[in-house]
């Protein structure tokens, strides 16, 4: 019996993490499930070992197991140890900032086949408006194993729906050639009309 996948995607400021934490909290409170929250090391939001939402009105934060973004498989030992400790199966694995996880597709598939429900939240597009990591690939796992895809909504300052994450450097749109991963938090959601990408080759 395989688990189900709940996939939460959208641009910056679309409450992805808040929704992940809300669903994890609901499972813990009402379904009495053990939910293990995971955080890739590239995620600097919230500090070490904590998944935290930027939304002050939502579930603020949860303790999380931090793992190397380029080696999620190290988590499997921690899952086994936790199951021995609590004397039952870890019913649900919640992964925040999934776009940073290398090998996310195969790792998530393994968890599903091991009968864990999986929640994954992350950016669908990077600041260049290109697919970010393997987030979009996970839609196949929803089709194959069941579950749901939630497109988390954000809005541009003009009021239109934002599909893009605009990176800002010193208040100005970041050029196309800047690194995909940068520390800091200078992003805002933008609609297609107001999204700007200086130096875009095509």
N, C-alpha and C. Protein backbone atom coordinates (compact mmCIF):
# COMPACT_ATOMS: atom_id res chain seq x y z
N UNK A 1 0.84 -1.19 0.00
CA UNK A 1 0.00 0.00 0.00
C UNK A 1 0.88 1.24 0.00
N UNK A 2 0.65 2.13 -0.93
CA UNK A 2 1.47 3.34 -1.04
C UNK A 2 0.78 4.52 -0.38
N UNK A 3 1.58 5.52 -0.02
CA UNK A 3 1.04 6.75 0.54
C UNK A 3 0.51 7.67 -0.54
N UNK A 4 -0.03 8.79 -0.12
CA UNK A 4 -0.55 9.82 -1.03
C UNK A 4 0.33 11.07 -0.93
N UNK A 5 0.35 11.84 -2.00
CA UNK A 5 1.17 13.04 -2.06
C UNK A 5 0.30 14.29 -2.13
N UNK A 6 0.55 15.22 -1.22
CA UNK A 6 -0.09 16.54 -1.28
C UNK A 6 0.98 17.55 -1.67
N UNK A 7 0.83 18.13 -2.85
CA UNK A 7 1.82 19.01 -3.44
C UNK A 7 1.33 20.45 -3.38
N UNK A 8 2.13 21.33 -2.77
CA UNK A 8 1.77 22.74 -2.60
C UNK A 8 2.79 23.58 -3.36
N UNK A 9 2.33 24.27 -4.42
CA UNK A 9 3.25 25.03 -5.27
C UNK A 9 2.75 26.44 -5.49
N UNK A 10 3.69 27.34 -5.77
CA UNK A 10 3.32 28.71 -6.07
C UNK A 10 4.54 29.61 -5.96
N UNK A 11 4.36 30.90 -6.22
CA UNK A 11 5.46 31.85 -6.11
C UNK A 11 5.73 32.24 -4.67
N UNK A 12 6.70 33.12 -4.48
CA UNK A 12 6.97 33.66 -3.15
C UNK A 12 5.72 34.35 -2.60
N UNK A 13 5.58 34.30 -1.28
CA UNK A 13 4.49 34.98 -0.57
C UNK A 13 3.11 34.42 -0.90
N UNK A 14 3.08 33.13 -1.25
CA UNK A 14 1.77 32.52 -1.54
C UNK A 14 1.32 31.60 -0.41
N UNK A 15 1.97 31.69 0.74
CA UNK A 15 1.57 30.93 1.95
C UNK A 15 1.74 29.43 1.81
N UNK A 16 2.74 29.01 1.03
CA UNK A 16 3.00 27.57 0.87
C UNK A 16 3.38 26.94 2.21
N UNK A 17 4.33 27.57 2.90
CA UNK A 17 4.79 27.01 4.17
C UNK A 17 3.68 27.05 5.22
N UNK A 18 2.92 28.13 5.25
CA UNK A 18 1.81 28.22 6.20
C UNK A 18 0.81 27.09 5.98
N UNK A 19 0.53 26.78 4.72
CA UNK A 19 -0.41 25.70 4.41
C UNK A 19 0.18 24.34 4.76
N UNK A 20 1.47 24.15 4.51
CA UNK A 20 2.14 22.90 4.89
C UNK A 20 2.03 22.68 6.40
N UNK A 21 2.32 23.72 7.17
CA UNK A 21 2.27 23.61 8.62
C UNK A 21 0.83 23.41 9.11
N UNK A 22 -0.13 24.06 8.46
CA UNK A 22 -1.54 23.88 8.83
C UNK A 22 -1.96 22.42 8.65
N UNK A 23 -1.59 21.85 7.49
CA UNK A 23 -1.98 20.46 7.23
C UNK A 23 -1.26 19.49 8.16
N UNK A 24 0.01 19.77 8.44
CA UNK A 24 0.74 18.92 9.39
C UNK A 24 0.09 18.99 10.77
N UNK A 25 -0.28 20.21 11.18
CA UNK A 25 -0.93 20.38 12.48
C UNK A 25 -2.27 19.68 12.56
N UNK A 26 -3.04 19.73 11.48
CA UNK A 26 -4.35 19.05 11.45
C UNK A 26 -4.18 17.55 11.59
N UNK A 27 -3.20 16.99 10.91
CA UNK A 27 -2.96 15.55 11.00
C UNK A 27 -2.58 15.16 12.43
N UNK A 28 -1.74 16.00 13.04
CA UNK A 28 -1.33 15.70 14.41
C UNK A 28 -2.49 15.82 15.38
N UNK A 29 -3.28 16.88 15.24
CA UNK A 29 -4.33 17.15 16.22
C UNK A 29 -5.53 16.22 16.08
N UNK A 30 -6.00 16.04 14.85
CA UNK A 30 -7.25 15.31 14.65
C UNK A 30 -7.06 13.85 14.26
N UNK A 31 -6.06 13.57 13.42
CA UNK A 31 -5.85 12.19 12.98
C UNK A 31 -4.88 11.45 13.89
N UNK A 32 -4.28 12.17 14.85
CA UNK A 32 -3.32 11.58 15.79
C UNK A 32 -2.16 10.91 15.05
N UNK A 33 -1.78 11.49 13.93
CA UNK A 33 -0.68 10.95 13.16
C UNK A 33 0.65 11.52 13.65
N UNK A 34 1.71 10.72 13.44
CA UNK A 34 3.04 11.27 13.67
C UNK A 34 3.50 11.89 12.35
N UNK A 35 3.77 13.19 12.38
CA UNK A 35 4.23 13.91 11.19
C UNK A 35 5.65 14.37 11.42
N UNK A 36 6.56 13.91 10.57
CA UNK A 36 7.95 14.35 10.64
C UNK A 36 8.15 15.48 9.63
N UNK A 37 8.56 16.65 10.11
CA UNK A 37 8.77 17.80 9.25
C UNK A 37 10.25 17.87 8.88
N UNK A 38 10.52 18.02 7.58
CA UNK A 38 11.89 18.04 7.07
C UNK A 38 12.21 19.39 6.45
N UNK A 39 13.49 19.77 6.58
CA UNK A 39 13.94 21.06 6.07
C UNK A 39 15.29 20.88 5.38
N UNK A 40 15.38 21.19 4.07
CA UNK A 40 16.68 21.10 3.40
C UNK A 40 17.62 22.21 3.88
N UNK A 41 18.91 21.91 3.86
CA UNK A 41 19.89 22.84 4.42
C UNK A 41 19.97 24.16 3.67
N UNK A 42 19.55 24.20 2.40
CA UNK A 42 19.57 25.45 1.64
C UNK A 42 18.50 26.43 2.10
N UNK A 43 17.56 25.97 2.90
CA UNK A 43 16.50 26.85 3.40
C UNK A 43 17.01 27.58 4.64
N UNK A 44 17.21 28.88 4.52
CA UNK A 44 17.71 29.68 5.65
C UNK A 44 16.59 30.37 6.40
N UNK A 45 15.35 30.21 5.93
CA UNK A 45 14.20 30.85 6.58
C UNK A 45 13.91 30.17 7.92
N UNK A 46 13.78 30.95 8.98
CA UNK A 46 13.36 30.39 10.26
C UNK A 46 14.48 29.90 11.14
N UNK A 47 15.71 29.81 10.64
CA UNK A 47 16.81 29.37 11.47
C UNK A 47 16.98 27.86 11.46
N UNK A 48 18.07 27.36 12.03
CA UNK A 48 18.37 25.92 12.01
C UNK A 48 17.29 25.09 12.72
N UNK A 49 16.88 24.01 12.07
CA UNK A 49 15.96 23.07 12.69
C UNK A 49 14.56 23.57 12.90
N UNK A 50 14.18 24.63 12.18
CA UNK A 50 12.83 25.18 12.32
C UNK A 50 12.26 25.50 10.95
N UNK A 51 11.03 25.07 10.70
CA UNK A 51 10.28 25.51 9.52
C UNK A 51 9.32 26.57 9.99
N UNK A 52 9.42 27.75 9.38
CA UNK A 52 8.64 28.90 9.85
C UNK A 52 7.99 29.61 8.68
N UNK A 53 6.73 29.95 8.85
CA UNK A 53 5.99 30.68 7.83
C UNK A 53 6.21 32.18 8.00
N UNK A 54 6.25 32.88 6.87
CA UNK A 54 6.34 34.34 6.92
C UNK A 54 4.98 34.98 7.22
N UNK A 55 3.93 34.18 7.15
CA UNK A 55 2.59 34.69 7.39
C UNK A 55 2.33 34.77 8.89
N UNK A 56 2.19 35.97 9.46
CA UNK A 56 2.01 36.08 10.91
C UNK A 56 0.66 35.57 11.38
N UNK A 57 -0.27 35.36 10.46
CA UNK A 57 -1.61 34.91 10.85
C UNK A 57 -1.77 33.40 10.80
N UNK A 58 -0.77 32.70 10.29
CA UNK A 58 -0.89 31.26 10.16
C UNK A 58 -0.19 30.53 11.29
N UNK A 59 -0.01 29.21 11.11
CA UNK A 59 0.77 28.42 12.05
C UNK A 59 2.21 28.95 11.97
N UNK A 60 2.74 29.42 13.08
CA UNK A 60 4.00 30.16 13.03
C UNK A 60 5.18 29.29 12.64
N UNK A 61 5.42 28.21 13.38
CA UNK A 61 6.61 27.41 13.09
C UNK A 61 6.50 26.04 13.76
N UNK A 62 7.34 25.12 13.25
CA UNK A 62 7.44 23.77 13.82
C UNK A 62 8.90 23.35 13.81
N UNK A 63 9.24 22.53 14.79
CA UNK A 63 10.56 21.94 14.78
C UNK A 63 10.69 21.02 13.57
N UNK A 64 11.88 20.99 12.99
CA UNK A 64 12.08 20.20 11.78
C UNK A 64 13.44 19.52 11.81
N UNK A 65 13.52 18.38 11.15
CA UNK A 65 14.80 17.71 10.95
C UNK A 65 15.46 18.32 9.72
N UNK A 66 16.63 18.89 9.92
CA UNK A 66 17.36 19.51 8.80
C UNK A 66 18.28 18.47 8.17
N UNK A 67 18.34 18.45 6.85
CA UNK A 67 19.18 17.49 6.14
C UNK A 67 19.91 18.19 5.00
N UNK A 68 20.98 17.58 4.51
CA UNK A 68 21.73 18.15 3.41
C UNK A 68 20.88 18.13 2.14
N UNK A 69 20.76 19.28 1.50
CA UNK A 69 19.90 19.40 0.32
C UNK A 69 20.31 18.44 -0.79
N UNK A 70 21.60 18.12 -0.85
CA UNK A 70 22.08 17.24 -1.92
C UNK A 70 22.08 15.77 -1.52
N UNK A 71 21.56 15.46 -0.32
CA UNK A 71 21.54 14.05 0.10
C UNK A 71 20.35 13.77 1.02
N UNK A 72 19.12 13.81 0.46
CA UNK A 72 17.95 13.58 1.31
C UNK A 72 17.87 12.16 1.86
N UNK A 73 18.58 11.23 1.25
CA UNK A 73 18.47 9.82 1.66
C UNK A 73 18.94 9.60 3.09
N UNK A 74 19.74 10.52 3.63
CA UNK A 74 20.18 10.37 5.01
C UNK A 74 19.01 10.42 5.98
N UNK A 75 17.88 10.94 5.53
CA UNK A 75 16.69 11.06 6.39
C UNK A 75 16.10 9.68 6.70
N UNK A 76 16.30 8.70 5.82
CA UNK A 76 15.68 7.39 6.01
C UNK A 76 16.08 6.76 7.33
N UNK A 77 17.35 6.92 7.72
CA UNK A 77 17.79 6.36 9.00
C UNK A 77 17.05 7.03 10.16
N UNK A 78 16.88 8.37 10.05
CA UNK A 78 16.17 9.09 11.11
C UNK A 78 14.71 8.64 11.21
N UNK A 79 14.09 8.35 10.07
CA UNK A 79 12.71 7.84 10.09
C UNK A 79 12.65 6.50 10.80
N UNK A 80 13.59 5.60 10.45
CA UNK A 80 13.63 4.28 11.10
C UNK A 80 13.82 4.42 12.61
N UNK A 81 14.73 5.30 13.01
CA UNK A 81 14.98 5.49 14.44
C UNK A 81 13.76 6.06 15.15
N UNK A 82 13.07 6.98 14.50
CA UNK A 82 11.88 7.57 15.11
C UNK A 82 10.78 6.53 15.26
N UNK A 83 10.62 5.67 14.26
CA UNK A 83 9.58 4.63 14.34
C UNK A 83 9.88 3.65 15.47
N UNK A 84 11.15 3.34 15.68
CA UNK A 84 11.50 2.47 16.80
C UNK A 84 11.22 3.17 18.13
N UNK A 85 11.49 4.47 18.15
CA UNK A 85 11.29 5.24 19.39
C UNK A 85 9.81 5.34 19.77
N UNK A 86 8.94 5.62 18.77
CA UNK A 86 7.52 5.85 19.07
C UNK A 86 6.69 4.56 18.99
N UNK A 87 7.30 3.49 18.48
CA UNK A 87 6.62 2.21 18.44
C UNK A 87 5.53 2.10 17.40
N UNK A 88 5.58 2.93 16.37
CA UNK A 88 4.61 2.84 15.28
C UNK A 88 5.18 3.50 14.03
N UNK A 89 4.44 3.41 12.95
CA UNK A 89 4.87 3.99 11.68
C UNK A 89 4.78 5.51 11.73
N UNK A 90 5.73 6.17 11.11
CA UNK A 90 5.61 7.61 10.86
C UNK A 90 4.66 7.76 9.68
N UNK A 91 3.44 8.22 9.98
CA UNK A 91 2.41 8.23 8.93
C UNK A 91 2.65 9.27 7.84
N UNK A 92 3.30 10.38 8.20
CA UNK A 92 3.40 11.49 7.24
C UNK A 92 4.76 12.16 7.31
N UNK A 93 5.30 12.47 6.14
CA UNK A 93 6.55 13.21 6.02
C UNK A 93 6.22 14.53 5.32
N UNK A 94 6.56 15.65 5.94
CA UNK A 94 6.30 16.98 5.37
C UNK A 94 7.62 17.65 5.01
N UNK A 95 7.78 18.02 3.75
CA UNK A 95 9.04 18.61 3.26
C UNK A 95 8.77 20.04 2.81
N UNK A 96 9.43 21.00 3.44
CA UNK A 96 9.30 22.39 3.02
C UNK A 96 10.44 22.75 2.07
N UNK A 97 10.22 23.77 1.24
CA UNK A 97 11.22 24.25 0.28
C UNK A 97 11.75 23.10 -0.58
N UNK A 98 10.82 22.33 -1.13
CA UNK A 98 11.19 21.16 -1.92
C UNK A 98 12.04 21.45 -3.13
N UNK A 99 11.98 22.68 -3.64
CA UNK A 99 12.75 23.02 -4.84
C UNK A 99 14.26 22.90 -4.61
N UNK A 100 14.69 22.92 -3.35
CA UNK A 100 16.12 22.83 -3.05
C UNK A 100 16.63 21.39 -2.99
N UNK A 101 15.73 20.42 -2.94
CA UNK A 101 16.12 19.03 -2.68
C UNK A 101 16.56 18.34 -3.97
N UNK A 102 17.81 17.92 -4.00
CA UNK A 102 18.31 17.19 -5.16
C UNK A 102 17.80 15.75 -5.11
N UNK A 103 17.30 15.27 -6.25
CA UNK A 103 16.73 13.93 -6.29
C UNK A 103 15.36 13.86 -5.64
N UNK A 104 14.65 14.99 -5.60
CA UNK A 104 13.35 15.05 -4.90
C UNK A 104 12.35 14.04 -5.45
N UNK A 105 12.33 13.86 -6.77
CA UNK A 105 11.35 12.95 -7.38
C UNK A 105 11.53 11.52 -6.85
N UNK A 106 12.76 11.00 -6.94
CA UNK A 106 13.00 9.61 -6.52
C UNK A 106 12.86 9.46 -5.01
N UNK A 107 13.27 10.49 -4.25
CA UNK A 107 13.13 10.43 -2.80
C UNK A 107 11.67 10.40 -2.39
N UNK A 108 10.86 11.26 -2.99
CA UNK A 108 9.43 11.28 -2.68
C UNK A 108 8.77 9.97 -3.10
N UNK A 109 9.14 9.46 -4.26
CA UNK A 109 8.59 8.18 -4.74
C UNK A 109 8.91 7.07 -3.75
N UNK A 110 10.13 7.06 -3.23
CA UNK A 110 10.51 6.04 -2.25
C UNK A 110 9.65 6.15 -0.99
N UNK A 111 9.45 7.36 -0.50
CA UNK A 111 8.63 7.55 0.70
C UNK A 111 7.20 7.08 0.47
N UNK A 112 6.64 7.40 -0.69
CA UNK A 112 5.27 6.97 -1.00
C UNK A 112 5.17 5.45 -1.04
N UNK A 113 6.15 4.81 -1.67
CA UNK A 113 6.13 3.35 -1.78
C UNK A 113 6.38 2.67 -0.44
N UNK A 114 6.97 3.41 0.51
CA UNK A 114 7.16 2.90 1.86
C UNK A 114 5.94 3.19 2.75
N UNK A 115 4.84 3.62 2.12
CA UNK A 115 3.56 3.83 2.80
C UNK A 115 3.55 5.05 3.72
N UNK A 116 4.33 6.05 3.38
CA UNK A 116 4.22 7.33 4.08
C UNK A 116 3.40 8.28 3.21
N UNK A 117 2.44 8.99 3.80
CA UNK A 117 1.88 10.15 3.10
C UNK A 117 2.96 11.23 3.09
N UNK A 118 2.99 12.00 2.01
CA UNK A 118 4.03 13.01 1.87
C UNK A 118 3.39 14.36 1.53
N UNK A 119 3.79 15.40 2.25
CA UNK A 119 3.43 16.77 1.93
C UNK A 119 4.68 17.47 1.44
N UNK A 120 4.62 18.12 0.28
CA UNK A 120 5.78 18.87 -0.23
C UNK A 120 5.33 20.27 -0.61
N UNK A 121 6.02 21.27 -0.07
CA UNK A 121 5.75 22.66 -0.43
C UNK A 121 7.00 23.25 -1.08
N UNK A 122 6.80 24.06 -2.12
CA UNK A 122 7.96 24.67 -2.74
C UNK A 122 7.59 25.57 -3.90
N UNK A 123 8.59 26.28 -4.38
CA UNK A 123 8.44 27.16 -5.54
C UNK A 123 8.36 26.33 -6.81
N UNK A 124 7.44 26.67 -7.69
CA UNK A 124 7.37 25.98 -8.97
C UNK A 124 8.38 26.56 -9.97
N UNK A 125 8.61 27.88 -9.90
CA UNK A 125 9.54 28.55 -10.81
C UNK A 125 10.61 29.30 -10.02
N UNK A 126 11.82 29.38 -10.60
CA UNK A 126 12.86 30.19 -9.98
C UNK A 126 12.71 31.65 -10.41
N UNK A 127 13.66 32.49 -10.04
CA UNK A 127 13.52 33.93 -10.33
C UNK A 127 13.61 34.24 -11.81
N UNK A 128 14.09 33.26 -12.61
CA UNK A 128 14.15 33.45 -14.06
C UNK A 128 12.88 32.96 -14.75
N UNK A 129 11.90 32.52 -13.96
CA UNK A 129 10.65 31.94 -14.48
C UNK A 129 10.90 30.63 -15.21
N UNK A 130 11.87 29.85 -14.70
CA UNK A 130 12.17 28.51 -15.19
C UNK A 130 11.81 27.50 -14.11
N UNK A 131 11.46 26.26 -14.48
CA UNK A 131 11.15 25.25 -13.46
C UNK A 131 12.25 25.16 -12.41
N UNK A 132 11.84 25.16 -11.15
CA UNK A 132 12.79 25.19 -10.04
C UNK A 132 12.93 23.78 -9.47
N UNK A 133 14.13 23.23 -9.59
CA UNK A 133 14.36 21.88 -9.08
C UNK A 133 13.43 20.88 -9.73
N UNK A 134 12.89 19.98 -8.92
CA UNK A 134 12.03 18.91 -9.44
C UNK A 134 10.58 19.07 -8.99
N UNK A 135 10.20 20.26 -8.54
CA UNK A 135 8.85 20.45 -8.01
C UNK A 135 7.78 20.10 -9.04
N UNK A 136 7.91 20.59 -10.26
CA UNK A 136 6.88 20.34 -11.27
C UNK A 136 6.79 18.87 -11.65
N UNK A 137 7.91 18.15 -11.52
CA UNK A 137 7.91 16.71 -11.83
C UNK A 137 7.02 15.92 -10.89
N UNK A 138 6.82 16.45 -9.68
CA UNK A 138 6.05 15.69 -8.68
C UNK A 138 4.59 15.54 -9.07
N UNK A 139 4.10 16.33 -10.01
CA UNK A 139 2.71 16.18 -10.43
C UNK A 139 2.46 14.78 -10.97
N UNK A 140 3.48 14.16 -11.57
CA UNK A 140 3.33 12.78 -12.07
C UNK A 140 3.05 11.83 -10.91
N UNK A 141 3.72 12.06 -9.77
CA UNK A 141 3.51 11.18 -8.61
C UNK A 141 2.10 11.31 -8.05
N UNK A 142 1.53 12.51 -8.13
CA UNK A 142 0.14 12.69 -7.70
C UNK A 142 -0.78 11.88 -8.61
N UNK A 143 -0.52 11.91 -9.91
CA UNK A 143 -1.33 11.13 -10.84
C UNK A 143 -1.17 9.64 -10.60
N UNK A 144 0.05 9.20 -10.28
CA UNK A 144 0.32 7.77 -10.14
C UNK A 144 -0.12 7.21 -8.79
N UNK A 145 0.06 7.97 -7.73
CA UNK A 145 -0.18 7.45 -6.38
C UNK A 145 -1.41 8.06 -5.71
N UNK A 146 -1.95 9.11 -6.30
CA UNK A 146 -3.09 9.78 -5.68
C UNK A 146 -2.64 10.90 -4.78
N UNK A 147 -3.58 11.75 -4.45
CA UNK A 147 -3.28 12.91 -3.62
C UNK A 147 -3.87 14.17 -4.22
N UNK A 148 -3.16 15.27 -4.11
CA UNK A 148 -3.71 16.53 -4.60
C UNK A 148 -2.59 17.51 -4.94
N UNK A 149 -2.90 18.43 -5.83
CA UNK A 149 -2.00 19.53 -6.16
C UNK A 149 -2.73 20.83 -5.81
N UNK A 150 -2.11 21.65 -4.97
CA UNK A 150 -2.69 22.93 -4.59
C UNK A 150 -1.81 24.04 -5.16
N UNK A 151 -2.40 24.86 -6.00
CA UNK A 151 -1.69 26.02 -6.52
C UNK A 151 -1.93 27.17 -5.54
N UNK A 152 -0.91 27.47 -4.76
CA UNK A 152 -1.05 28.52 -3.75
C UNK A 152 -0.98 29.89 -4.43
N UNK A 153 -1.87 30.76 -4.03
CA UNK A 153 -2.06 32.03 -4.73
C UNK A 153 -1.29 33.17 -4.06
N UNK A 154 -0.70 34.00 -4.90
CA UNK A 154 -0.09 35.25 -4.44
C UNK A 154 -0.55 36.36 -5.37
N UNK A 155 -0.39 37.59 -4.93
CA UNK A 155 -0.88 38.73 -5.71
C UNK A 155 0.18 39.79 -5.86
N UNK A 156 0.23 40.33 -7.06
CA UNK A 156 1.12 41.44 -7.38
C UNK A 156 0.60 42.71 -6.69
N UNK A 157 1.48 43.69 -6.54
CA UNK A 157 1.07 44.95 -5.92
C UNK A 157 -0.04 45.64 -6.71
N UNK A 158 -0.17 45.31 -8.00
CA UNK A 158 -1.22 45.92 -8.82
C UNK A 158 -2.58 45.27 -8.59
N UNK A 159 -2.61 44.13 -7.88
CA UNK A 159 -3.85 43.44 -7.60
C UNK A 159 -4.09 42.21 -8.45
N UNK A 160 -3.30 42.03 -9.51
CA UNK A 160 -3.45 40.86 -10.37
C UNK A 160 -2.80 39.65 -9.72
N UNK A 161 -3.21 38.46 -10.15
CA UNK A 161 -2.59 37.24 -9.63
C UNK A 161 -1.12 37.21 -10.03
N UNK A 162 -0.27 36.88 -9.07
CA UNK A 162 1.17 36.79 -9.33
C UNK A 162 1.55 35.34 -9.63
N UNK A 163 2.23 35.15 -10.74
CA UNK A 163 2.74 33.83 -11.11
C UNK A 163 4.25 33.74 -10.94
N UNK A 164 4.90 34.88 -10.74
CA UNK A 164 6.35 34.94 -10.75
C UNK A 164 6.90 35.45 -9.43
N UNK A 165 8.14 35.03 -9.12
CA UNK A 165 8.86 35.52 -7.95
C UNK A 165 9.94 36.48 -8.44
N UNK A 166 9.74 37.75 -8.18
CA UNK A 166 10.69 38.77 -8.62
C UNK A 166 11.80 38.92 -7.58
N UNK A 167 13.03 38.59 -7.99
CA UNK A 167 14.16 38.79 -7.09
C UNK A 167 14.64 40.23 -7.21
N UNK A 168 14.92 40.84 -6.06
CA UNK A 168 15.40 42.21 -6.03
C UNK A 168 16.78 42.27 -5.38
N UNK A 169 17.67 43.00 -6.00
CA UNK A 169 18.99 43.26 -5.43
C UNK A 169 19.12 44.77 -5.26
N UNK A 170 19.23 45.20 -4.01
CA UNK A 170 19.24 46.64 -3.69
C UNK A 170 18.04 47.35 -4.31
N UNK A 171 16.90 46.67 -4.25
CA UNK A 171 15.65 47.25 -4.72
C UNK A 171 15.41 47.17 -6.22
N UNK A 172 16.37 46.62 -6.96
CA UNK A 172 16.23 46.54 -8.41
C UNK A 172 16.12 45.09 -8.86
N UNK A 173 15.40 44.83 -9.97
CA UNK A 173 15.27 43.46 -10.46
C UNK A 173 16.64 42.82 -10.72
N UNK A 174 16.80 41.60 -10.22
CA UNK A 174 18.07 40.89 -10.39
C UNK A 174 18.27 40.50 -11.85
N UNK A 175 19.50 40.57 -12.36
CA UNK A 175 19.76 40.17 -13.73
C UNK A 175 19.67 38.67 -13.93
N UNK A 176 19.39 38.27 -15.15
CA UNK A 176 19.23 36.86 -15.50
C UNK A 176 20.43 36.02 -15.07
N UNK A 177 21.62 36.59 -15.15
CA UNK A 177 22.83 35.83 -14.88
C UNK A 177 23.18 35.67 -13.42
N UNK A 178 22.41 36.20 -12.50
CA UNK A 178 22.74 36.04 -11.08
C UNK A 178 22.46 34.60 -10.64
N UNK A 179 23.10 34.14 -9.55
CA UNK A 179 22.97 32.74 -9.13
C UNK A 179 21.51 32.36 -8.82
N UNK A 180 21.19 31.09 -9.06
CA UNK A 180 19.84 30.60 -8.76
C UNK A 180 19.58 30.67 -7.26
N UNK A 181 20.57 30.26 -6.46
CA UNK A 181 20.42 30.25 -5.01
C UNK A 181 21.25 31.39 -4.43
N UNK A 182 20.58 32.28 -3.73
CA UNK A 182 21.25 33.41 -3.07
C UNK A 182 20.69 33.57 -1.67
N UNK A 183 21.56 33.85 -0.68
CA UNK A 183 21.04 34.11 0.66
C UNK A 183 20.25 35.42 0.68
N UNK A 184 19.41 35.54 1.68
CA UNK A 184 18.61 36.76 1.77
C UNK A 184 17.17 36.50 1.39
N UNK A 185 16.38 37.54 1.43
CA UNK A 185 14.94 37.35 1.30
C UNK A 185 14.31 38.47 0.49
N UNK A 186 15.03 38.97 -0.51
CA UNK A 186 14.54 40.11 -1.28
C UNK A 186 13.76 39.63 -2.50
N UNK A 187 12.53 39.23 -2.26
CA UNK A 187 11.65 38.76 -3.34
C UNK A 187 10.27 39.39 -3.15
N UNK A 188 9.56 39.51 -4.25
CA UNK A 188 8.16 39.89 -4.15
C UNK A 188 7.41 39.23 -5.30
N UNK A 189 6.14 38.90 -5.09
CA UNK A 189 5.34 38.28 -6.15
C UNK A 189 4.98 39.31 -7.22
N UNK A 190 5.03 38.89 -8.47
CA UNK A 190 4.71 39.79 -9.58
C UNK A 190 3.81 39.08 -10.59
N UNK A 191 2.94 39.85 -11.23
CA UNK A 191 2.15 39.34 -12.36
C UNK A 191 3.00 39.40 -13.62
N UNK A 192 2.47 38.85 -14.71
CA UNK A 192 3.23 38.81 -15.96
C UNK A 192 3.56 40.21 -16.46
N UNK A 193 2.67 41.16 -16.25
CA UNK A 193 2.90 42.52 -16.76
C UNK A 193 4.05 43.21 -16.03
N UNK A 194 4.21 42.93 -14.73
CA UNK A 194 5.19 43.65 -13.94
C UNK A 194 6.45 42.84 -13.62
N UNK A 195 6.51 41.60 -14.08
CA UNK A 195 7.71 40.79 -13.89
C UNK A 195 8.79 41.26 -14.85
N UNK A 196 9.99 41.51 -14.33
CA UNK A 196 11.09 42.04 -15.12
C UNK A 196 12.32 41.16 -14.96
N UNK A 197 13.01 40.86 -16.06
CA UNK A 197 14.20 40.01 -16.00
C UNK A 197 15.28 40.59 -16.92
N UNK A 198 16.08 41.52 -16.38
CA UNK A 198 17.13 42.15 -17.20
C UNK A 198 18.16 41.13 -17.70
N UNK A 199 18.53 41.25 -18.96
CA UNK A 199 19.55 40.36 -19.52
C UNK A 199 19.03 39.02 -19.98
N UNK A 200 17.72 38.83 -20.01
CA UNK A 200 17.17 37.56 -20.48
C UNK A 200 17.57 37.34 -21.94
N UNK A 201 18.15 36.16 -22.25
CA UNK A 201 18.68 35.94 -23.61
C UNK A 201 17.62 35.83 -24.69
N UNK A 202 16.41 35.39 -24.35
CA UNK A 202 15.39 35.21 -25.40
C UNK A 202 14.08 35.89 -24.96
